[in-house]
Amino acid sequence: MLSGKHAYIGLGSNLGSRLKNLRQSLTLLSKMKKIEIKAVSPIYETEPVGGPAQGYYLNACAFLLTDLPPGTLLQAMLEIEDRIGRLRTERWGPRTIDLDLLVYEGLITNTPLLTLPHPRLAGRCFVLIPLADIAPDLVIPGENKTVRRLLAECQSNEDVRYYLPADWPVNYSN
């Protein structure tokens, strides 16, 4: 068992077999050294926000313990996206898989490669809803509000629907 840092990630997919893509990303994360998946939210189907016309996303969040520093964790997530077939051709375009590092411990940082907490976290209900399922009392650094409070204040109008396949969640503990 790791004694590592707490990290929260968002997962999304709207291309190909969306559910398979979410599962595969969690499986690949769970096989990495220095990462332990502690909780996975239910899945929600959400309409895309911004960008071109595209299909609905499946979204979820996961809570990790990790001994990886945030930049290394982000790099590992980008490599998983690449393995699953993510193409970065269009900003806010459709995605086979999208993995976002939302919160890493209480860290606040803004570098060319990484901004923590995720810069649009507080205004996105499609992220806050699954995050509230696994960490409602998590205080978001810089916002000084819990996920539950941010969700109550969320003004976005995207359509977010509970989506529960028969075999979700799967235990991804190492």
N, C-alpha and C. Protein backbone atom coordinates (compact mmCIF):
# COMPACT_ATOMS: atom_id res chain seq x y z
N MET A 1 0.84 -1.19 0.00
CA MET A 1 0.00 0.00 0.00
C MET A 1 0.89 1.25 0.00
N LEU A 2 0.48 2.23 -0.78
CA LEU A 2 1.24 3.47 -0.88
C LEU A 2 0.88 4.41 0.27
N SER A 3 1.82 5.23 0.64
CA SER A 3 1.53 6.28 1.62
C SER A 3 1.56 7.62 0.91
N GLY A 4 1.23 7.59 -0.37
CA GLY A 4 1.44 8.71 -1.27
C GLY A 4 0.49 9.87 -1.14
N LYS A 5 0.58 10.70 -2.16
CA LYS A 5 -0.23 11.92 -2.27
C LYS A 5 -1.60 11.57 -2.83
N HIS A 6 -2.59 12.38 -2.44
CA HIS A 6 -3.94 12.21 -2.95
C HIS A 6 -4.06 12.95 -4.28
N ALA A 7 -4.55 12.26 -5.29
CA ALA A 7 -4.78 12.87 -6.59
C ALA A 7 -6.17 12.48 -7.07
N TYR A 8 -6.83 13.40 -7.74
CA TYR A 8 -8.16 13.18 -8.30
C TYR A 8 -8.08 13.45 -9.79
N ILE A 9 -8.60 12.50 -10.56
CA ILE A 9 -8.55 12.66 -12.01
C ILE A 9 -9.95 12.57 -12.60
N GLY A 10 -10.12 13.21 -13.73
CA GLY A 10 -11.35 13.10 -14.51
C GLY A 10 -11.08 12.24 -15.73
N LEU A 11 -12.08 11.46 -16.12
CA LEU A 11 -11.98 10.60 -17.30
C LEU A 11 -13.16 10.90 -18.21
N GLY A 12 -12.93 10.94 -19.50
CA GLY A 12 -14.01 11.16 -20.45
C GLY A 12 -13.72 10.49 -21.77
N SER A 13 -14.78 10.07 -22.46
CA SER A 13 -14.64 9.46 -23.78
C SER A 13 -15.92 9.68 -24.57
N ASN A 14 -15.77 10.09 -25.85
CA ASN A 14 -16.95 10.17 -26.71
C ASN A 14 -16.69 9.62 -28.12
N LEU A 15 -15.64 8.85 -28.28
CA LEU A 15 -15.34 8.20 -29.55
C LEU A 15 -15.13 6.71 -29.32
N GLY A 16 -15.55 5.93 -30.29
CA GLY A 16 -15.34 4.48 -30.21
C GLY A 16 -16.19 3.87 -29.11
N SER A 17 -15.68 2.82 -28.52
CA SER A 17 -16.37 2.15 -27.41
C SER A 17 -16.07 2.93 -26.13
N ARG A 18 -16.93 3.88 -25.82
CA ARG A 18 -16.67 4.82 -24.72
C ARG A 18 -16.41 4.11 -23.40
N LEU A 19 -17.25 3.16 -23.06
CA LEU A 19 -17.10 2.44 -21.79
C LEU A 19 -15.79 1.64 -21.77
N LYS A 20 -15.49 0.98 -22.87
CA LYS A 20 -14.24 0.22 -22.97
C LYS A 20 -13.04 1.15 -22.79
N ASN A 21 -13.11 2.35 -23.36
CA ASN A 21 -12.01 3.30 -23.24
C ASN A 21 -11.80 3.72 -21.79
N LEU A 22 -12.89 3.97 -21.06
CA LEU A 22 -12.77 4.33 -19.65
C LEU A 22 -12.15 3.18 -18.86
N ARG A 23 -12.66 1.98 -19.11
CA ARG A 23 -12.13 0.80 -18.40
C ARG A 23 -10.65 0.60 -18.69
N GLN A 24 -10.29 0.70 -19.96
CA GLN A 24 -8.90 0.46 -20.34
C GLN A 24 -7.97 1.48 -19.69
N SER A 25 -8.41 2.73 -19.62
CA SER A 25 -7.55 3.75 -18.99
C SER A 25 -7.35 3.45 -17.51
N LEU A 26 -8.41 3.02 -16.83
CA LEU A 26 -8.28 2.67 -15.41
C LEU A 26 -7.42 1.43 -15.22
N THR A 27 -7.57 0.47 -16.10
CA THR A 27 -6.74 -0.74 -16.02
C THR A 27 -5.27 -0.40 -16.18
N LEU A 28 -4.96 0.44 -17.17
CA LEU A 28 -3.56 0.83 -17.38
C LEU A 28 -3.02 1.62 -16.20
N LEU A 29 -3.82 2.52 -15.64
CA LEU A 29 -3.39 3.25 -14.44
C LEU A 29 -3.13 2.30 -13.29
N SER A 30 -4.02 1.32 -13.11
CA SER A 30 -3.90 0.41 -11.97
C SER A 30 -2.66 -0.47 -12.05
N LYS A 31 -2.13 -0.66 -13.25
CA LYS A 31 -0.94 -1.50 -13.43
C LYS A 31 0.36 -0.73 -13.26
N MET A 32 0.26 0.57 -13.09
CA MET A 32 1.47 1.38 -12.95
C MET A 32 2.00 1.33 -11.53
N LYS A 33 3.31 1.31 -11.43
CA LYS A 33 3.93 1.38 -10.12
C LYS A 33 3.71 2.79 -9.58
N LYS A 34 3.59 2.88 -8.28
CA LYS A 34 3.45 4.15 -7.57
C LYS A 34 2.09 4.80 -7.78
N ILE A 35 1.10 4.03 -8.26
CA ILE A 35 -0.27 4.52 -8.37
C ILE A 35 -1.19 3.44 -7.82
N GLU A 36 -2.09 3.85 -6.95
CA GLU A 36 -3.11 2.95 -6.41
C GLU A 36 -4.46 3.63 -6.55
N ILE A 37 -5.38 2.99 -7.26
CA ILE A 37 -6.73 3.54 -7.42
C ILE A 37 -7.53 3.19 -6.17
N LYS A 38 -8.01 4.20 -5.48
CA LYS A 38 -8.74 3.99 -4.22
C LYS A 38 -10.25 4.04 -4.40
N ALA A 39 -10.74 4.82 -5.37
CA ALA A 39 -12.19 4.94 -5.59
C ALA A 39 -12.44 5.39 -7.02
N VAL A 40 -13.54 4.89 -7.58
CA VAL A 40 -13.99 5.30 -8.91
C VAL A 40 -15.46 5.67 -8.81
N SER A 41 -15.82 6.80 -9.38
CA SER A 41 -17.20 7.27 -9.33
C SER A 41 -18.09 6.46 -10.27
N PRO A 42 -19.39 6.63 -10.13
CA PRO A 42 -20.29 6.16 -11.18
C PRO A 42 -19.98 6.92 -12.48
N ILE A 43 -20.54 6.43 -13.57
CA ILE A 43 -20.37 7.06 -14.88
C ILE A 43 -21.58 7.95 -15.16
N TYR A 44 -21.32 9.05 -15.82
CA TYR A 44 -22.37 9.96 -16.27
C TYR A 44 -22.21 10.19 -17.76
N GLU A 45 -23.35 10.26 -18.45
CA GLU A 45 -23.33 10.62 -19.86
C GLU A 45 -23.63 12.10 -19.96
N THR A 46 -22.77 12.82 -20.68
CA THR A 46 -22.87 14.28 -20.69
C THR A 46 -22.73 14.81 -22.11
N GLU A 47 -23.46 15.89 -22.37
CA GLU A 47 -23.31 16.51 -23.68
C GLU A 47 -21.98 17.25 -23.72
N PRO A 48 -21.38 17.34 -24.90
CA PRO A 48 -20.10 18.04 -25.01
C PRO A 48 -20.25 19.53 -24.75
N VAL A 49 -19.21 20.12 -24.20
CA VAL A 49 -19.19 21.56 -23.90
C VAL A 49 -18.15 22.20 -24.81
N GLY A 50 -18.58 23.13 -25.64
CA GLY A 50 -17.67 23.81 -26.55
C GLY A 50 -17.23 22.90 -27.68
N GLY A 51 -16.49 23.46 -28.61
CA GLY A 51 -15.95 22.69 -29.71
C GLY A 51 -16.98 22.38 -30.78
N PRO A 52 -16.61 21.52 -31.72
CA PRO A 52 -17.49 21.18 -32.83
C PRO A 52 -18.62 20.25 -32.39
N ALA A 53 -19.60 20.07 -33.28
CA ALA A 53 -20.68 19.12 -33.00
C ALA A 53 -20.06 17.73 -32.85
N GLN A 54 -20.48 17.02 -31.81
CA GLN A 54 -19.91 15.71 -31.53
C GLN A 54 -20.83 14.94 -30.60
N GLY A 55 -20.55 13.66 -30.44
CA GLY A 55 -21.37 12.81 -29.60
C GLY A 55 -21.19 13.06 -28.12
N TYR A 56 -22.14 12.52 -27.34
CA TYR A 56 -22.10 12.65 -25.89
C TYR A 56 -20.90 11.90 -25.31
N TYR A 57 -20.42 12.40 -24.19
CA TYR A 57 -19.31 11.80 -23.45
C TYR A 57 -19.82 10.85 -22.38
N LEU A 58 -19.01 9.89 -22.03
CA LEU A 58 -19.12 9.21 -20.75
C LEU A 58 -18.03 9.81 -19.88
N ASN A 59 -18.40 10.22 -18.66
CA ASN A 59 -17.46 10.85 -17.74
C ASN A 59 -17.49 10.15 -16.39
N ALA A 60 -16.34 10.13 -15.74
CA ALA A 60 -16.21 9.60 -14.38
C ALA A 60 -15.01 10.29 -13.74
N CYS A 61 -14.85 10.07 -12.45
CA CYS A 61 -13.68 10.56 -11.72
C CYS A 61 -13.10 9.41 -10.91
N ALA A 62 -11.82 9.54 -10.59
CA ALA A 62 -11.16 8.53 -9.76
C ALA A 62 -10.27 9.22 -8.74
N PHE A 63 -10.15 8.58 -7.58
CA PHE A 63 -9.27 9.02 -6.50
C PHE A 63 -8.08 8.08 -6.48
N LEU A 64 -6.88 8.65 -6.55
CA LEU A 64 -5.65 7.87 -6.56
C LEU A 64 -4.78 8.22 -5.37
N LEU A 65 -4.01 7.26 -4.92
CA LEU A 65 -2.84 7.52 -4.09
C LEU A 65 -1.64 7.32 -5.00
N THR A 66 -0.69 8.22 -4.93
CA THR A 66 0.47 8.10 -5.81
C THR A 66 1.73 8.62 -5.14
N ASP A 67 2.82 7.99 -5.47
CA ASP A 67 4.13 8.48 -5.07
C ASP A 67 4.81 9.23 -6.22
N LEU A 68 4.08 9.39 -7.32
CA LEU A 68 4.62 10.15 -8.45
C LEU A 68 4.41 11.65 -8.22
N PRO A 69 5.37 12.48 -8.58
CA PRO A 69 5.12 13.92 -8.54
C PRO A 69 4.08 14.29 -9.60
N PRO A 70 3.42 15.44 -9.47
CA PRO A 70 2.31 15.77 -10.36
C PRO A 70 2.68 15.79 -11.84
N GLY A 71 3.83 16.32 -12.19
CA GLY A 71 4.22 16.35 -13.60
C GLY A 71 4.43 14.96 -14.17
N THR A 72 4.98 14.06 -13.38
CA THR A 72 5.19 12.68 -13.81
C THR A 72 3.86 11.95 -13.93
N LEU A 73 2.95 12.19 -13.00
CA LEU A 73 1.61 11.60 -13.08
C LEU A 73 0.91 12.09 -14.35
N LEU A 74 0.97 13.38 -14.62
CA LEU A 74 0.36 13.91 -15.84
C LEU A 74 0.96 13.25 -17.07
N GLN A 75 2.27 13.11 -17.11
CA GLN A 75 2.92 12.47 -18.26
C GLN A 75 2.45 11.03 -18.42
N ALA A 76 2.30 10.31 -17.32
CA ALA A 76 1.79 8.93 -17.38
C ALA A 76 0.37 8.90 -17.95
N MET A 77 -0.45 9.87 -17.55
CA MET A 77 -1.82 9.95 -18.06
C MET A 77 -1.83 10.25 -19.56
N LEU A 78 -0.96 11.13 -20.01
CA LEU A 78 -0.86 11.44 -21.45
C LEU A 78 -0.42 10.21 -22.24
N GLU A 79 0.49 9.43 -21.68
CA GLU A 79 0.94 8.21 -22.35
C GLU A 79 -0.19 7.19 -22.45
N ILE A 80 -1.03 7.11 -21.43
CA ILE A 80 -2.19 6.22 -21.48
C ILE A 80 -3.15 6.69 -22.57
N GLU A 81 -3.40 8.00 -22.64
CA GLU A 81 -4.25 8.53 -23.71
C GLU A 81 -3.71 8.11 -25.08
N ASP A 82 -2.41 8.24 -25.27
CA ASP A 82 -1.79 7.86 -26.54
C ASP A 82 -1.97 6.37 -26.83
N ARG A 83 -1.79 5.54 -25.82
CA ARG A 83 -1.94 4.08 -26.00
C ARG A 83 -3.35 3.69 -26.41
N ILE A 84 -4.33 4.45 -25.91
CA ILE A 84 -5.72 4.13 -26.22
C ILE A 84 -6.14 4.75 -27.55
N GLY A 85 -5.31 5.58 -28.12
CA GLY A 85 -5.58 6.10 -29.45
C GLY A 85 -6.04 7.54 -29.53
N ARG A 86 -5.78 8.31 -28.50
CA ARG A 86 -6.19 9.72 -28.54
C ARG A 86 -5.37 10.47 -29.58
N LEU A 87 -6.08 11.23 -30.41
CA LEU A 87 -5.45 12.12 -31.38
C LEU A 87 -5.74 13.55 -30.95
N ARG A 88 -4.72 14.37 -30.94
CA ARG A 88 -4.88 15.77 -30.54
C ARG A 88 -4.89 16.65 -31.78
N THR A 89 -6.02 16.64 -32.49
CA THR A 89 -6.10 17.39 -33.74
C THR A 89 -6.94 18.65 -33.62
N GLU A 90 -7.86 18.69 -32.68
CA GLU A 90 -8.78 19.83 -32.60
C GLU A 90 -9.07 20.15 -31.13
N ARG A 91 -8.89 21.42 -30.76
CA ARG A 91 -9.19 21.83 -29.39
C ARG A 91 -10.66 21.56 -29.09
N TRP A 92 -10.92 20.92 -28.00
CA TRP A 92 -12.26 20.54 -27.55
C TRP A 92 -12.99 19.65 -28.55
N GLY A 93 -12.21 18.96 -29.37
CA GLY A 93 -12.80 18.03 -30.32
C GLY A 93 -13.11 16.70 -29.66
N PRO A 94 -13.71 15.77 -30.42
CA PRO A 94 -14.03 14.46 -29.87
C PRO A 94 -12.77 13.72 -29.43
N ARG A 95 -12.93 12.85 -28.44
CA ARG A 95 -11.77 12.18 -27.84
C ARG A 95 -12.06 10.71 -27.57
N THR A 96 -11.11 9.88 -27.96
CA THR A 96 -11.19 8.47 -27.59
C THR A 96 -11.12 8.36 -26.07
N ILE A 97 -10.19 9.09 -25.49
CA ILE A 97 -10.06 9.17 -24.03
C ILE A 97 -9.46 10.52 -23.66
N ASP A 98 -9.94 11.06 -22.58
CA ASP A 98 -9.41 12.31 -22.04
C ASP A 98 -9.21 12.10 -20.55
N LEU A 99 -7.98 12.22 -20.11
CA LEU A 99 -7.65 12.09 -18.69
C LEU A 99 -7.14 13.43 -18.19
N ASP A 100 -7.80 13.98 -17.20
CA ASP A 100 -7.41 15.28 -16.64
C ASP A 100 -7.01 15.13 -15.19
N LEU A 101 -5.87 15.69 -14.83
CA LEU A 101 -5.46 15.78 -13.43
C LEU A 101 -6.19 16.97 -12.84
N LEU A 102 -7.14 16.70 -11.95
CA LEU A 102 -8.01 17.74 -11.40
C LEU A 102 -7.41 18.39 -10.17
N VAL A 103 -6.98 17.56 -9.22
CA VAL A 103 -6.44 18.05 -7.94
C VAL A 103 -5.31 17.11 -7.54
N TYR A 104 -4.24 17.69 -7.03
CA TYR A 104 -3.11 16.90 -6.51
C TYR A 104 -2.77 17.46 -5.15
N GLU A 105 -3.13 16.68 -4.10
CA GLU A 105 -2.95 17.16 -2.72
C GLU A 105 -3.55 18.56 -2.62
N GLY A 106 -2.89 19.48 -1.96
CA GLY A 106 -3.36 20.85 -1.87
C GLY A 106 -2.61 21.79 -2.79
N LEU A 107 -1.98 21.21 -3.81
CA LEU A 107 -1.08 21.98 -4.66
C LEU A 107 -1.81 22.97 -5.55
N ILE A 108 -1.29 24.18 -5.59
CA ILE A 108 -1.72 25.19 -6.56
C ILE A 108 -0.49 25.51 -7.39
N THR A 109 -0.60 25.32 -8.70
CA THR A 109 0.52 25.61 -9.59
C THR A 109 0.00 26.02 -10.96
N ASN A 110 0.78 26.81 -11.65
CA ASN A 110 0.42 27.23 -13.00
C ASN A 110 1.70 27.33 -13.81
N THR A 111 1.99 26.27 -14.55
CA THR A 111 3.17 26.23 -15.41
C THR A 111 2.68 26.02 -16.84
N PRO A 112 3.56 26.15 -17.82
CA PRO A 112 3.13 25.90 -19.20
C PRO A 112 2.60 24.48 -19.41
N LEU A 113 3.03 23.53 -18.60
CA LEU A 113 2.61 22.14 -18.77
C LEU A 113 1.49 21.70 -17.85
N LEU A 114 1.30 22.37 -16.72
CA LEU A 114 0.35 21.88 -15.73
C LEU A 114 -0.22 23.02 -14.90
N THR A 115 -1.54 23.06 -14.82
CA THR A 115 -2.23 24.00 -13.94
C THR A 115 -3.06 23.18 -12.95
N LEU A 116 -2.84 23.43 -11.67
CA LEU A 116 -3.58 22.75 -10.60
C LEU A 116 -4.09 23.76 -9.60
N PRO A 117 -5.32 23.54 -9.12
CA PRO A 117 -6.27 22.56 -9.63
C PRO A 117 -6.63 22.86 -11.08
N HIS A 118 -7.30 21.92 -11.72
CA HIS A 118 -7.68 22.09 -13.12
C HIS A 118 -8.40 23.42 -13.26
N PRO A 119 -8.03 24.24 -14.24
CA PRO A 119 -8.53 25.61 -14.30
C PRO A 119 -10.03 25.76 -14.53
N ARG A 120 -10.69 24.76 -15.07
CA ARG A 120 -12.14 24.87 -15.32
C ARG A 120 -12.96 23.94 -14.42
N LEU A 121 -12.32 23.38 -13.42
CA LEU A 121 -12.99 22.42 -12.53
C LEU A 121 -14.23 23.01 -11.86
N ALA A 122 -14.11 24.19 -11.28
CA ALA A 122 -15.19 24.75 -10.46
C ALA A 122 -16.45 25.07 -11.24
N GLY A 123 -16.36 25.23 -12.55
CA GLY A 123 -17.53 25.60 -13.34
C GLY A 123 -18.09 24.49 -14.20
N ARG A 124 -17.64 23.28 -14.01
CA ARG A 124 -18.08 22.18 -14.86
C ARG A 124 -18.84 21.14 -14.05
N CYS A 125 -20.16 21.19 -14.18
CA CYS A 125 -20.99 20.22 -13.46
C CYS A 125 -20.66 18.79 -13.85
N PHE A 126 -20.31 18.56 -15.12
CA PHE A 126 -20.03 17.20 -15.56
C PHE A 126 -18.77 16.62 -14.91
N VAL A 127 -17.95 17.47 -14.32
CA VAL A 127 -16.80 17.01 -13.53
C VAL A 127 -17.17 16.97 -12.05
N LEU A 128 -17.85 18.00 -11.58
CA LEU A 128 -18.18 18.09 -10.16
C LEU A 128 -19.13 16.98 -9.70
N ILE A 129 -20.07 16.57 -10.56
CA ILE A 129 -21.03 15.54 -10.15
C ILE A 129 -20.32 14.22 -9.83
N PRO A 130 -19.51 13.66 -10.74
CA PRO A 130 -18.83 12.41 -10.35
C PRO A 130 -17.78 12.61 -9.26
N LEU A 131 -17.15 13.78 -9.22
CA LEU A 131 -16.18 14.04 -8.16
C LEU A 131 -16.88 14.08 -6.80
N ALA A 132 -18.08 14.63 -6.76
CA ALA A 132 -18.85 14.67 -5.51
C ALA A 132 -19.24 13.26 -5.04
N ASP A 133 -19.37 12.33 -5.97
CA ASP A 133 -19.69 10.95 -5.58
C ASP A 133 -18.57 10.30 -4.78
N ILE A 134 -17.32 10.70 -5.04
CA ILE A 134 -16.19 10.05 -4.35
C ILE A 134 -15.50 10.96 -3.34
N ALA A 135 -15.72 12.28 -3.44
CA ALA A 135 -15.02 13.21 -2.53
C ALA A 135 -15.83 14.47 -2.30
N PRO A 136 -17.04 14.36 -1.75
CA PRO A 136 -17.89 15.55 -1.60
C PRO A 136 -17.31 16.60 -0.67
N ASP A 137 -16.50 16.20 0.28
CA ASP A 137 -15.95 17.14 1.26
C ASP A 137 -14.52 17.59 0.93
N LEU A 138 -14.03 17.21 -0.22
CA LEU A 138 -12.71 17.66 -0.67
C LEU A 138 -12.76 19.17 -0.89
N VAL A 139 -11.84 19.88 -0.26
CA VAL A 139 -11.74 21.33 -0.46
C VAL A 139 -10.81 21.57 -1.64
N ILE A 140 -11.31 22.29 -2.63
CA ILE A 140 -10.52 22.57 -3.83
C ILE A 140 -9.57 23.72 -3.54
N PRO A 141 -8.27 23.49 -3.68
CA PRO A 141 -7.29 24.54 -3.42
C PRO A 141 -7.56 25.78 -4.27
N GLY A 142 -7.44 26.93 -3.64
CA GLY A 142 -7.67 28.19 -4.35
C GLY A 142 -9.11 28.62 -4.36
N GLU A 143 -10.03 27.66 -4.32
CA GLU A 143 -11.46 27.96 -4.26
C GLU A 143 -11.91 28.06 -2.80
N ASN A 144 -11.24 27.28 -1.93
CA ASN A 144 -11.58 27.20 -0.52
C ASN A 144 -13.04 26.83 -0.29
N LYS A 145 -13.54 25.98 -1.17
CA LYS A 145 -14.90 25.45 -1.07
C LYS A 145 -14.83 23.95 -1.33
N THR A 146 -15.77 23.23 -0.73
CA THR A 146 -15.84 21.79 -0.97
C THR A 146 -16.42 21.52 -2.36
N VAL A 147 -16.19 20.32 -2.83
CA VAL A 147 -16.79 19.90 -4.10
C VAL A 147 -18.31 20.00 -4.00
N ARG A 148 -18.87 19.59 -2.87
CA ARG A 148 -20.32 19.66 -2.67
C ARG A 148 -20.82 21.10 -2.83
N ARG A 149 -20.10 22.05 -2.25
CA ARG A 149 -20.50 23.46 -2.34
C ARG A 149 -20.36 23.99 -3.76
N LEU A 150 -19.26 23.66 -4.42
CA LEU A 150 -19.08 24.09 -5.81
C LEU A 150 -20.17 23.52 -6.71
N LEU A 151 -20.55 22.27 -6.46
CA LEU A 151 -21.62 21.67 -7.25
C LEU A 151 -22.94 22.40 -7.03
N ALA A 152 -23.24 22.75 -5.78
CA ALA A 152 -24.47 23.49 -5.49
C ALA A 152 -24.49 24.84 -6.19
N GLU A 153 -23.32 25.42 -6.38
CA GLU A 153 -23.21 26.74 -7.02
C GLU A 153 -23.02 26.65 -8.54
N CYS A 154 -22.85 25.47 -9.07
CA CYS A 154 -22.52 25.31 -10.49
C CYS A 154 -23.67 25.81 -11.36
N GLN A 155 -23.33 26.69 -12.29
CA GLN A 155 -24.33 27.32 -13.14
C GLN A 155 -24.32 26.79 -14.57
N SER A 156 -23.47 25.85 -14.90
CA SER A 156 -23.43 25.37 -16.28
C SER A 156 -24.73 24.64 -16.60
N ASN A 157 -25.06 24.61 -17.86
CA ASN A 157 -26.36 24.06 -18.24
C ASN A 157 -26.25 22.80 -19.09
N GLU A 158 -25.08 22.14 -19.05
CA GLU A 158 -24.96 20.92 -19.86
C GLU A 158 -25.84 19.81 -19.29
N ASP A 159 -26.23 18.92 -20.17
CA ASP A 159 -27.06 17.78 -19.81
C ASP A 159 -26.15 16.69 -19.23
N VAL A 160 -26.40 16.31 -17.98
CA VAL A 160 -25.60 15.27 -17.31
C VAL A 160 -26.57 14.21 -16.81
N ARG A 161 -26.41 12.97 -17.30
CA ARG A 161 -27.32 11.89 -16.92
C ARG A 161 -26.54 10.72 -16.34
N TYR A 162 -27.09 10.14 -15.31
CA TYR A 162 -26.50 8.94 -14.70
C TYR A 162 -26.48 7.83 -15.73
N TYR A 163 -25.37 7.12 -15.83
CA TYR A 163 -25.20 6.06 -16.82
C TYR A 163 -24.58 4.88 -16.08
N LEU A 164 -25.31 3.81 -15.94
CA LEU A 164 -24.80 2.70 -15.13
C LEU A 164 -24.83 1.39 -15.90
N PRO A 165 -23.69 0.99 -16.45
CA PRO A 165 -23.63 -0.35 -17.03
C PRO A 165 -23.68 -1.40 -15.92
N ALA A 166 -24.12 -2.58 -16.26
CA ALA A 166 -24.31 -3.63 -15.26
C ALA A 166 -23.02 -4.01 -14.54
N ASP A 167 -21.88 -3.85 -15.20
CA ASP A 167 -20.63 -4.31 -14.60
C ASP A 167 -19.71 -3.16 -14.19
N TRP A 168 -20.28 -2.08 -13.74
CA TRP A 168 -19.49 -0.93 -13.26
C TRP A 168 -19.87 -0.69 -11.82
N PRO A 169 -19.01 -0.35 -10.92
CA PRO A 169 -17.57 -0.20 -11.15
C PRO A 169 -16.86 -1.54 -11.06
N VAL A 170 -15.66 -1.52 -11.51
CA VAL A 170 -14.78 -2.67 -11.40
C VAL A 170 -13.73 -2.32 -10.37
N ASN A 171 -13.29 -3.29 -9.60
CA ASN A 171 -12.27 -3.03 -8.59
C ASN A 171 -10.91 -2.90 -9.27
N TYR A 172 -10.33 -1.71 -9.18
CA TYR A 172 -9.03 -1.46 -9.81
C TYR A 172 -7.91 -1.38 -8.78
N SER A 173 -8.17 -1.80 -7.56
CA SER A 173 -7.12 -1.76 -6.54
C SER A 173 -5.97 -2.66 -6.95
N ASN A 174 -4.76 -2.19 -6.66
CA ASN A 174 -3.56 -2.96 -7.03
C ASN A 174 -3.43 -4.20 -6.18
